[in-house]
Full PDB file with SEQRES, HELIX, SHEET, SSBOND, CRYST1, ORIGX, SCALE, CONECT and MASTER records, all heavy atoms in Angstrom:
SEQRES   1 A   32  ARG MET LEU LEU PHE PHE GLY VAL VAL PRO GLY GLY ILE          
SEQRES   2 A   32  LEU LEU LEU ASN ALA PHE SER LEU LYS VAL MET THR LEU          
SEQRES   3 A   32  GLY GLU GLY GLU ALA ALA                                      
HELIX    1 AA1 MET A    2  LEU A   16  1                                  15    
HELIX    2 AA2 ALA A   18  MET A   24  1                                   7    
HELIX    3 AA3 GLU A   28  ALA A   31  1                                   4    
CRYST1    1.000    1.000    1.000  90.00  90.00  90.00 P 1           1          
ORIGX1      1.000000  0.000000  0.000000        0.00000                         
ORIGX2      0.000000  1.000000  0.000000        0.00000                         
ORIGX3      0.000000  0.000000  1.000000        0.00000                         
SCALE1      1.000000  0.000000  0.000000        0.00000                         
SCALE2      0.000000  1.000000  0.000000        0.00000                         
SCALE3      0.000000  0.000000  1.000000        0.00000                         
ATOM      1  N   ARG A   1       5.748  28.006  -1.880  1.00  0.00           N  
ATOM      2  CA  ARG A   1       6.063  27.466  -0.551  1.00  0.00           C  
ATOM      3  C   ARG A   1       5.001  26.476  -0.093  1.00  0.00           C  
ATOM      4  O   ARG A   1       5.325  25.449   0.529  1.00  0.00           O  
ATOM      5  CB  ARG A   1       6.208  28.614   0.451  1.00  0.00           C  
ATOM      6  CG  ARG A   1       7.496  29.407   0.298  1.00  0.00           C  
ATOM      7  CD  ARG A   1       7.712  30.369   1.447  1.00  0.00           C  
ATOM      8  NE  ARG A   1       6.847  31.536   1.333  1.00  0.00           N  
ATOM      9  CZ  ARG A   1       7.168  32.649   0.695  1.00  0.00           C  
ATOM     10  NH1 ARG A   1       8.337  32.738   0.083  1.00  0.00           N  
ATOM     11  NH2 ARG A   1       6.336  33.674   0.660  1.00  0.00           N  
ATOM     12  N   MET A   2       3.730  26.745  -0.394  1.00  0.00           N  
ATOM     13  CA  MET A   2       2.664  25.829   0.000  1.00  0.00           C  
ATOM     14  C   MET A   2       2.808  24.485  -0.713  1.00  0.00           C  
ATOM     15  O   MET A   2       2.649  23.417  -0.108  1.00  0.00           O  
ATOM     16  CB  MET A   2       1.291  26.437  -0.300  1.00  0.00           C  
ATOM     17  CG  MET A   2       0.133  25.558   0.156  1.00  0.00           C  
ATOM     18  SD  MET A   2      -1.492  26.257  -0.185  1.00  0.00           S  
ATOM     19  CE  MET A   2      -1.520  27.619   0.977  1.00  0.00           C  
ATOM     20  N   LEU A   3       3.139  24.532  -2.002  1.00  0.00           N  
ATOM     21  CA  LEU A   3       3.317  23.291  -2.751  1.00  0.00           C  
ATOM     22  C   LEU A   3       4.502  22.490  -2.211  1.00  0.00           C  
ATOM     23  O   LEU A   3       4.436  21.261  -2.112  1.00  0.00           O  
ATOM     24  CB  LEU A   3       3.514  23.605  -4.239  1.00  0.00           C  
ATOM     25  CG  LEU A   3       2.262  24.069  -4.982  1.00  0.00           C  
ATOM     26  CD1 LEU A   3       2.629  24.578  -6.375  1.00  0.00           C  
ATOM     27  CD2 LEU A   3       1.235  22.937  -5.099  1.00  0.00           C  
ATOM     28  N   LEU A   4       5.584  23.177  -1.873  1.00  0.00           N  
ATOM     29  CA  LEU A   4       6.726  22.478  -1.286  1.00  0.00           C  
ATOM     30  C   LEU A   4       6.357  21.857   0.059  1.00  0.00           C  
ATOM     31  O   LEU A   4       6.768  20.738   0.379  1.00  0.00           O  
ATOM     32  CB  LEU A   4       7.902  23.444  -1.118  1.00  0.00           C  
ATOM     33  CG  LEU A   4       8.585  23.898  -2.413  1.00  0.00           C  
ATOM     34  CD1 LEU A   4       9.593  25.008  -2.131  1.00  0.00           C  
ATOM     35  CD2 LEU A   4       9.258  22.725  -3.106  1.00  0.00           C  
ATOM     36  N   PHE A   5       5.552  22.584   0.840  1.00  0.00           N  
ATOM     37  CA  PHE A   5       5.111  22.070   2.144  1.00  0.00           C  
ATOM     38  C   PHE A   5       4.313  20.776   1.980  1.00  0.00           C  
ATOM     39  O   PHE A   5       4.501  19.803   2.717  1.00  0.00           O  
ATOM     40  CB  PHE A   5       4.275  23.135   2.848  1.00  0.00           C  
ATOM     41  CG  PHE A   5       3.627  22.669   4.125  1.00  0.00           C  
ATOM     42  CD1 PHE A   5       4.367  22.575   5.291  1.00  0.00           C  
ATOM     43  CD2 PHE A   5       2.287  22.317   4.158  1.00  0.00           C  
ATOM     44  CE1 PHE A   5       3.780  22.139   6.481  1.00  0.00           C  
ATOM     45  CE2 PHE A   5       1.694  21.881   5.335  1.00  0.00           C  
ATOM     46  CZ  PHE A   5       2.442  21.791   6.495  1.00  0.00           C  
ATOM     47  N   PHE A   6       3.399  20.770   1.011  1.00  0.00           N  
ATOM     48  CA  PHE A   6       2.562  19.594   0.787  1.00  0.00           C  
ATOM     49  C   PHE A   6       3.286  18.498   0.001  1.00  0.00           C  
ATOM     50  O   PHE A   6       2.864  17.337   0.046  1.00  0.00           O  
ATOM     51  CB  PHE A   6       1.294  19.976   0.017  1.00  0.00           C  
ATOM     52  CG  PHE A   6       0.176  20.486   0.884  1.00  0.00           C  
ATOM     53  CD1 PHE A   6      -0.050  21.839   1.020  1.00  0.00           C  
ATOM     54  CD2 PHE A   6      -0.654  19.615   1.558  1.00  0.00           C  
ATOM     55  CE1 PHE A   6      -1.082  22.320   1.819  1.00  0.00           C  
ATOM     56  CE2 PHE A   6      -1.695  20.073   2.347  1.00  0.00           C  
ATOM     57  CZ  PHE A   6      -1.896  21.433   2.483  1.00  0.00           C  
ATOM     58  N   GLY A   7       4.341  18.869  -0.734  1.00  0.00           N  
ATOM     59  CA  GLY A   7       4.919  17.918  -1.672  1.00  0.00           C  
ATOM     60  C   GLY A   7       6.163  17.188  -1.232  1.00  0.00           C  
ATOM     61  O   GLY A   7       6.331  16.005  -1.545  1.00  0.00           O  
ATOM     62  N   VAL A   8       7.050  17.858  -0.485  1.00  0.00           N  
ATOM     63  CA  VAL A   8       8.373  17.283  -0.236  1.00  0.00           C  
ATOM     64  C   VAL A   8       8.299  16.021   0.615  1.00  0.00           C  
ATOM     65  O   VAL A   8       8.815  14.957   0.226  1.00  0.00           O  
ATOM     66  CB  VAL A   8       9.297  18.327   0.425  1.00  0.00           C  
ATOM     67  CG1 VAL A   8      10.598  17.669   0.878  1.00  0.00           C  
ATOM     68  CG2 VAL A   8       9.602  19.451  -0.560  1.00  0.00           C  
ATOM     69  N   VAL A   9       7.649  16.094   1.773  1.00  0.00           N  
ATOM     70  CA  VAL A   9       7.619  14.932   2.672  1.00  0.00           C  
ATOM     71  C   VAL A   9       6.775  13.781   2.113  1.00  0.00           C  
ATOM     72  O   VAL A   9       7.257  12.641   2.029  1.00  0.00           O  
ATOM     73  CB  VAL A   9       7.141  15.343   4.088  1.00  0.00           C  
ATOM     74  CG1 VAL A   9       6.968  14.118   4.976  1.00  0.00           C  
ATOM     75  CG2 VAL A   9       8.146  16.304   4.719  1.00  0.00           C  
ATOM     76  N   PRO A  10       5.502  14.025   1.703  1.00  0.00           N  
ATOM     77  CA  PRO A  10       4.719  12.909   1.123  1.00  0.00           C  
ATOM     78  C   PRO A  10       5.376  12.320  -0.113  1.00  0.00           C  
ATOM     79  O   PRO A  10       5.391  11.095  -0.294  1.00  0.00           O  
ATOM     80  CB  PRO A  10       3.376  13.561   0.783  1.00  0.00           C  
ATOM     81  CG  PRO A  10       3.293  14.752   1.663  1.00  0.00           C  
ATOM     82  CD  PRO A  10       4.684  15.253   1.804  1.00  0.00           C  
ATOM     83  N   GLY A  11       5.923  13.194  -0.976  1.00  0.00           N  
ATOM     84  CA  GLY A  11       6.587  12.688  -2.175  1.00  0.00           C  
ATOM     85  C   GLY A  11       7.794  11.844  -1.834  1.00  0.00           C  
ATOM     86  O   GLY A  11       8.028  10.783  -2.424  1.00  0.00           O  
ATOM     87  N   GLY A  12       8.591  12.310  -0.852  1.00  0.00           N  
ATOM     88  CA  GLY A  12       9.760  11.545  -0.437  1.00  0.00           C  
ATOM     89  C   GLY A  12       9.386  10.186   0.140  1.00  0.00           C  
ATOM     90  O   GLY A  12      10.043   9.173  -0.139  1.00  0.00           O  
ATOM     91  N   ILE A  13       8.322  10.154   0.941  1.00  0.00           N  
ATOM     92  CA  ILE A  13       7.876   8.885   1.524  1.00  0.00           C  
ATOM     93  C   ILE A  13       7.441   7.914   0.423  1.00  0.00           C  
ATOM     94  O   ILE A  13       7.777   6.719   0.465  1.00  0.00           O  
ATOM     95  CB  ILE A  13       6.731   9.129   2.521  1.00  0.00           C  
ATOM     96  CG1 ILE A  13       7.256   9.859   3.757  1.00  0.00           C  
ATOM     97  CG2 ILE A  13       6.059   7.810   2.927  1.00  0.00           C  
ATOM     98  CD1 ILE A  13       6.170  10.311   4.714  1.00  0.00           C  
ATOM     99  N   LEU A  14       6.698   8.414  -0.552  1.00  0.00           N  
ATOM    100  CA  LEU A  14       6.261   7.544  -1.651  1.00  0.00           C  
ATOM    101  C   LEU A  14       7.451   6.963  -2.405  1.00  0.00           C  
ATOM    102  O   LEU A  14       7.490   5.761  -2.706  1.00  0.00           O  
ATOM    103  CB  LEU A  14       5.374   8.324  -2.619  1.00  0.00           C  
ATOM    104  CG  LEU A  14       3.881   8.376  -2.340  1.00  0.00           C  
ATOM    105  CD1 LEU A  14       3.173   9.193  -3.414  1.00  0.00           C  
ATOM    106  CD2 LEU A  14       3.282   6.976  -2.272  1.00  0.00           C  
ATOM    107  N   LEU A  15       8.423   7.812  -2.719  1.00  0.00           N  
ATOM    108  CA  LEU A  15       9.580   7.335  -3.475  1.00  0.00           C  
ATOM    109  C   LEU A  15      10.413   6.352  -2.657  1.00  0.00           C  
ATOM    110  O   LEU A  15      10.940   5.377  -3.205  1.00  0.00           O  
ATOM    111  CB  LEU A  15      10.432   8.528  -3.915  1.00  0.00           C  
ATOM    112  CG  LEU A  15       9.768   9.462  -4.943  1.00  0.00           C  
ATOM    113  CD1 LEU A  15      10.637  10.687  -5.191  1.00  0.00           C  
ATOM    114  CD2 LEU A  15       9.490   8.733  -6.252  1.00  0.00           C  
ATOM    115  N   LEU A  16      10.531   6.579  -1.357  1.00  0.00           N  
ATOM    116  CA  LEU A  16      11.281   5.658  -0.499  1.00  0.00           C  
ATOM    117  C   LEU A  16      10.583   4.303  -0.374  1.00  0.00           C  
ATOM    118  O   LEU A  16      11.237   3.286  -0.125  1.00  0.00           O  
ATOM    119  CB  LEU A  16      11.481   6.273   0.885  1.00  0.00           C  
ATOM    120  CG  LEU A  16      12.485   7.433   0.967  1.00  0.00           C  
ATOM    121  CD1 LEU A  16      12.460   8.062   2.348  1.00  0.00           C  
ATOM    122  CD2 LEU A  16      13.896   6.953   0.620  1.00  0.00           C  
ATOM    123  N   ASN A  17       9.252   4.305  -0.520  1.00  0.00           N  
ATOM    124  CA  ASN A  17       8.484   3.057  -0.429  1.00  0.00           C  
ATOM    125  C   ASN A  17       8.167   2.458  -1.791  1.00  0.00           C  
ATOM    126  O   ASN A  17       7.305   1.592  -1.893  1.00  0.00           O  
ATOM    127  CB  ASN A  17       7.177   3.303   0.331  1.00  0.00           C  
ATOM    128  CG  ASN A  17       7.388   3.334   1.836  1.00  0.00           C  
ATOM    129  OD1 ASN A  17       7.510   2.305   2.488  1.00  0.00           O  
ATOM    130  ND2 ASN A  17       7.450   4.539   2.381  1.00  0.00           N  
ATOM    131  N   ALA A  18       8.878   2.918  -2.816  1.00  0.00           N  
ATOM    132  CA  ALA A  18       8.591   2.448  -4.175  1.00  0.00           C  
ATOM    133  C   ALA A  18       8.763   0.932  -4.305  1.00  0.00           C  
ATOM    134  O   ALA A  18       7.956   0.247  -4.946  1.00  0.00           O  
ATOM    135  CB  ALA A  18       9.490   3.163  -5.179  1.00  0.00           C  
ATOM    136  N   PHE A  19       9.806   0.385  -3.664  1.00  0.00           N  
ATOM    137  CA  PHE A  19      10.031  -1.055  -3.778  1.00  0.00           C  
ATOM    138  C   PHE A  19       8.899  -1.837  -3.110  1.00  0.00           C  
ATOM    139  O   PHE A  19       8.423  -2.849  -3.650  1.00  0.00           O  
ATOM    140  CB  PHE A  19      11.369  -1.442  -3.153  1.00  0.00           C  
ATOM    141  CG  PHE A  19      11.652  -2.913  -3.210  1.00  0.00           C  
ATOM    142  CD1 PHE A  19      12.020  -3.513  -4.402  1.00  0.00           C  
ATOM    143  CD2 PHE A  19      11.524  -3.711  -2.074  1.00  0.00           C  
ATOM    144  CE1 PHE A  19      12.257  -4.892  -4.465  1.00  0.00           C  
ATOM    145  CE2 PHE A  19      11.762  -5.074  -2.130  1.00  0.00           C  
ATOM    146  CZ  PHE A  19      12.136  -5.672  -3.327  1.00  0.00           C  
ATOM    147  N   SER A  20       8.459  -1.384  -1.929  1.00  0.00           N  
ATOM    148  CA  SER A  20       7.360  -2.067  -1.237  1.00  0.00           C  
ATOM    149  C   SER A  20       6.084  -2.029  -2.076  1.00  0.00           C  
ATOM    150  O   SER A  20       5.337  -3.013  -2.140  1.00  0.00           O  
ATOM    151  CB  SER A  20       7.111  -1.414   0.122  1.00  0.00           C  
ATOM    152  OG  SER A  20       8.240  -1.564   0.957  1.00  0.00           O  
ATOM    153  N   LEU A  21       5.828  -0.877  -2.716  1.00  0.00           N  
ATOM    154  CA  LEU A  21       4.654  -0.777  -3.585  1.00  0.00           C  
ATOM    155  C   LEU A  21       4.762  -1.738  -4.768  1.00  0.00           C  
ATOM    156  O   LEU A  21       3.782  -2.367  -5.165  1.00  0.00           O  
ATOM    157  CB  LEU A  21       4.500   0.655  -4.104  1.00  0.00           C  
ATOM    158  CG  LEU A  21       3.620   1.601  -3.289  1.00  0.00           C  
ATOM    159  CD1 LEU A  21       3.673   3.002  -3.877  1.00  0.00           C  
ATOM    160  CD2 LEU A  21       2.187   1.103  -3.241  1.00  0.00           C  
ATOM    161  N   LYS A  22       5.970  -1.854  -5.299  1.00  0.00           N  
ATOM    162  CA  LYS A  22       6.191  -2.784  -6.409  1.00  0.00           C  
ATOM    163  C   LYS A  22       5.901  -4.221  -5.973  1.00  0.00           C  
ATOM    164  O   LYS A  22       5.230  -4.986  -6.688  1.00  0.00           O  
ATOM    165  CB  LYS A  22       7.635  -2.664  -6.900  1.00  0.00           C  
ATOM    166  CG  LYS A  22       8.018  -3.686  -7.961  1.00  0.00           C  
ATOM    167  CD  LYS A  22       9.496  -3.600  -8.274  1.00  0.00           C  
ATOM    168  CE  LYS A  22       9.908  -4.709  -9.252  1.00  0.00           C  
ATOM    169  NZ  LYS A  22      11.366  -4.664  -9.539  1.00  0.00           N  
ATOM    170  N   VAL A  23       6.373  -4.584  -4.796  1.00  0.00           N  
ATOM    171  CA  VAL A  23       6.133  -5.944  -4.283  1.00  0.00           C  
ATOM    172  C   VAL A  23       4.637  -6.174  -4.083  1.00  0.00           C  
ATOM    173  O   VAL A  23       4.123  -7.279  -4.333  1.00  0.00           O  
ATOM    174  CB  VAL A  23       6.916  -6.168  -2.975  1.00  0.00           C  
ATOM    175  CG1 VAL A  23       6.540  -7.508  -2.352  1.00  0.00           C  
ATOM    176  CG2 VAL A  23       8.412  -6.105  -3.238  1.00  0.00           C  
ATOM    177  N   MET A  24       3.896  -5.143  -3.642  1.00  0.00           N  
ATOM    178  CA  MET A  24       2.469  -5.295  -3.396  1.00  0.00           C  
ATOM    179  C   MET A  24       1.667  -5.526  -4.667  1.00  0.00           C  
ATOM    180  O   MET A  24       0.530  -5.990  -4.603  1.00  0.00           O  
ATOM    181  CB  MET A  24       1.929  -4.078  -2.647  1.00  0.00           C  
ATOM    182  CG  MET A  24       2.327  -4.078  -1.166  1.00  0.00           C  
ATOM    183  SD  MET A  24       1.632  -2.704  -0.237  1.00  0.00           S  
ATOM    184  CE  MET A  24      -0.128  -3.081  -0.308  1.00  0.00           C  
ATOM    185  N   THR A  25       2.266  -5.216  -5.833  1.00  0.00           N  
ATOM    186  CA  THR A  25       1.562  -5.524  -7.086  1.00  0.00           C  
ATOM    187  C   THR A  25       1.456  -7.033  -7.311  1.00  0.00           C  
ATOM    188  O   THR A  25       0.649  -7.485  -8.128  1.00  0.00           O  
ATOM    189  CB  THR A  25       2.284  -4.882  -8.294  1.00  0.00           C  
ATOM    190  OG1 THR A  25       3.615  -5.399  -8.400  1.00  0.00           O  
ATOM    191  CG2 THR A  25       2.336  -3.372  -8.149  1.00  0.00           C  
ATOM    192  N   LEU A  26       2.256  -7.822  -6.591  1.00  0.00           N  
ATOM    193  CA  LEU A  26       2.172  -9.283  -6.683  1.00  0.00           C  
ATOM    194  C   LEU A  26       0.956  -9.826  -5.934  1.00  0.00           C  
ATOM    195  O   LEU A  26       0.578 -10.982  -6.116  1.00  0.00           O  
ATOM    196  CB  LEU A  26       3.440  -9.917  -6.105  1.00  0.00           C  
ATOM    197  CG  LEU A  26       4.773  -9.515  -6.742  1.00  0.00           C  
ATOM    198  CD1 LEU A  26       5.936 -10.097  -5.943  1.00  0.00           C  
ATOM    199  CD2 LEU A  26       4.821  -9.976  -8.193  1.00  0.00           C  
ATOM    200  N   GLY A  27       0.368  -8.982  -5.080  1.00  0.00           N  
ATOM    201  CA  GLY A  27      -0.724  -9.424  -4.223  1.00  0.00           C  
ATOM    202  C   GLY A  27      -0.335  -9.234  -2.773  1.00  0.00           C  
ATOM    203  O   GLY A  27       0.848  -9.383  -2.412  1.00  0.00           O  
ATOM    204  N   GLU A  28      -1.307  -8.890  -1.934  1.00  0.00           N  
ATOM    205  CA  GLU A  28      -0.987  -8.573  -0.539  1.00  0.00           C  
ATOM    206  C   GLU A  28      -0.472  -9.793   0.221  1.00  0.00           C  
ATOM    207  O   GLU A  28       0.366  -9.664   1.114  1.00  0.00           O  
ATOM    208  CB  GLU A  28      -2.211  -7.971   0.151  1.00  0.00           C  
ATOM    209  CG  GLU A  28      -2.590  -6.612  -0.422  1.00  0.00           C  
ATOM    210  CD  GLU A  28      -3.358  -5.758   0.559  1.00  0.00           C  
ATOM    211  OE1 GLU A  28      -3.494  -6.169   1.736  1.00  0.00           O  
ATOM    212  OE2 GLU A  28      -3.823  -4.685   0.165  1.00  0.00           O  
ATOM    213  N   GLY A  29      -0.989 -10.989  -0.115  1.00  0.00           N  
ATOM    214  CA  GLY A  29      -0.508 -12.205   0.548  1.00  0.00           C  
ATOM    215  C   GLY A  29       0.953 -12.456   0.251  1.00  0.00           C  
ATOM    216  O   GLY A  29       1.754 -12.728   1.162  1.00  0.00           O  
ATOM    217  N   GLU A  30       1.328 -12.371  -1.011  1.00  0.00           N  
ATOM    218  CA  GLU A  30       2.723 -12.569  -1.396  1.00  0.00           C  
ATOM    219  C   GLU A  30       3.617 -11.491  -0.807  1.00  0.00           C  
ATOM    220  O   GLU A  30       4.731 -11.763  -0.354  1.00  0.00           O  
ATOM    221  CB  GLU A  30       2.857 -12.569  -2.925  1.00  0.00           C  
ATOM    222  CG  GLU A  30       2.248 -13.775  -3.620  1.00  0.00           C  
ATOM    223  CD  GLU A  30       0.737 -13.649  -3.816  1.00  0.00           C  
ATOM    224  OE1 GLU A  30       0.148 -12.667  -3.281  1.00  0.00           O  
ATOM    225  OE2 GLU A  30       0.160 -14.530  -4.473  1.00  0.00           O  
ATOM    226  N   ALA A  31       3.131 -10.246  -0.807  1.00  0.00           N  
ATOM    227  CA  ALA A  31       3.922  -9.147  -0.260  1.00  0.00           C  
ATOM    228  C   ALA A  31       4.166  -9.347   1.238  1.00  0.00           C  
ATOM    229  O   ALA A  31       5.281  -9.135   1.734  1.00  0.00           O  
ATOM    230  CB  ALA A  31       3.210  -7.814  -0.508  1.00  0.00           C  
ATOM    231  N   ALA A  32       3.129  -9.765   1.974  1.00  0.00           N  
ATOM    232  CA  ALA A  32       3.278 -10.010   3.403  1.00  0.00           C  
ATOM    233  C   ALA A  32       4.273 -11.139   3.664  1.00  0.00           C  
ATOM    234  O   ALA A  32       5.074 -11.077   4.604  1.00  0.00           O  
ATOM    235  CB  ALA A  32       1.931 -10.341   4.024  1.00  0.00           C  
TER     236      ALA A  32                                                      
MASTER        0    0    0    3    0    0    0    6  235    1    0    3          
END                                                                             
């Protein structure tokens, strides 16, 4: 239960922002 508490929301946020993270690999200026 503790692992689910720490894992579900942060993990979901990371996966939902996967595309933004991918764009940021181009550089922060290009991403902005």
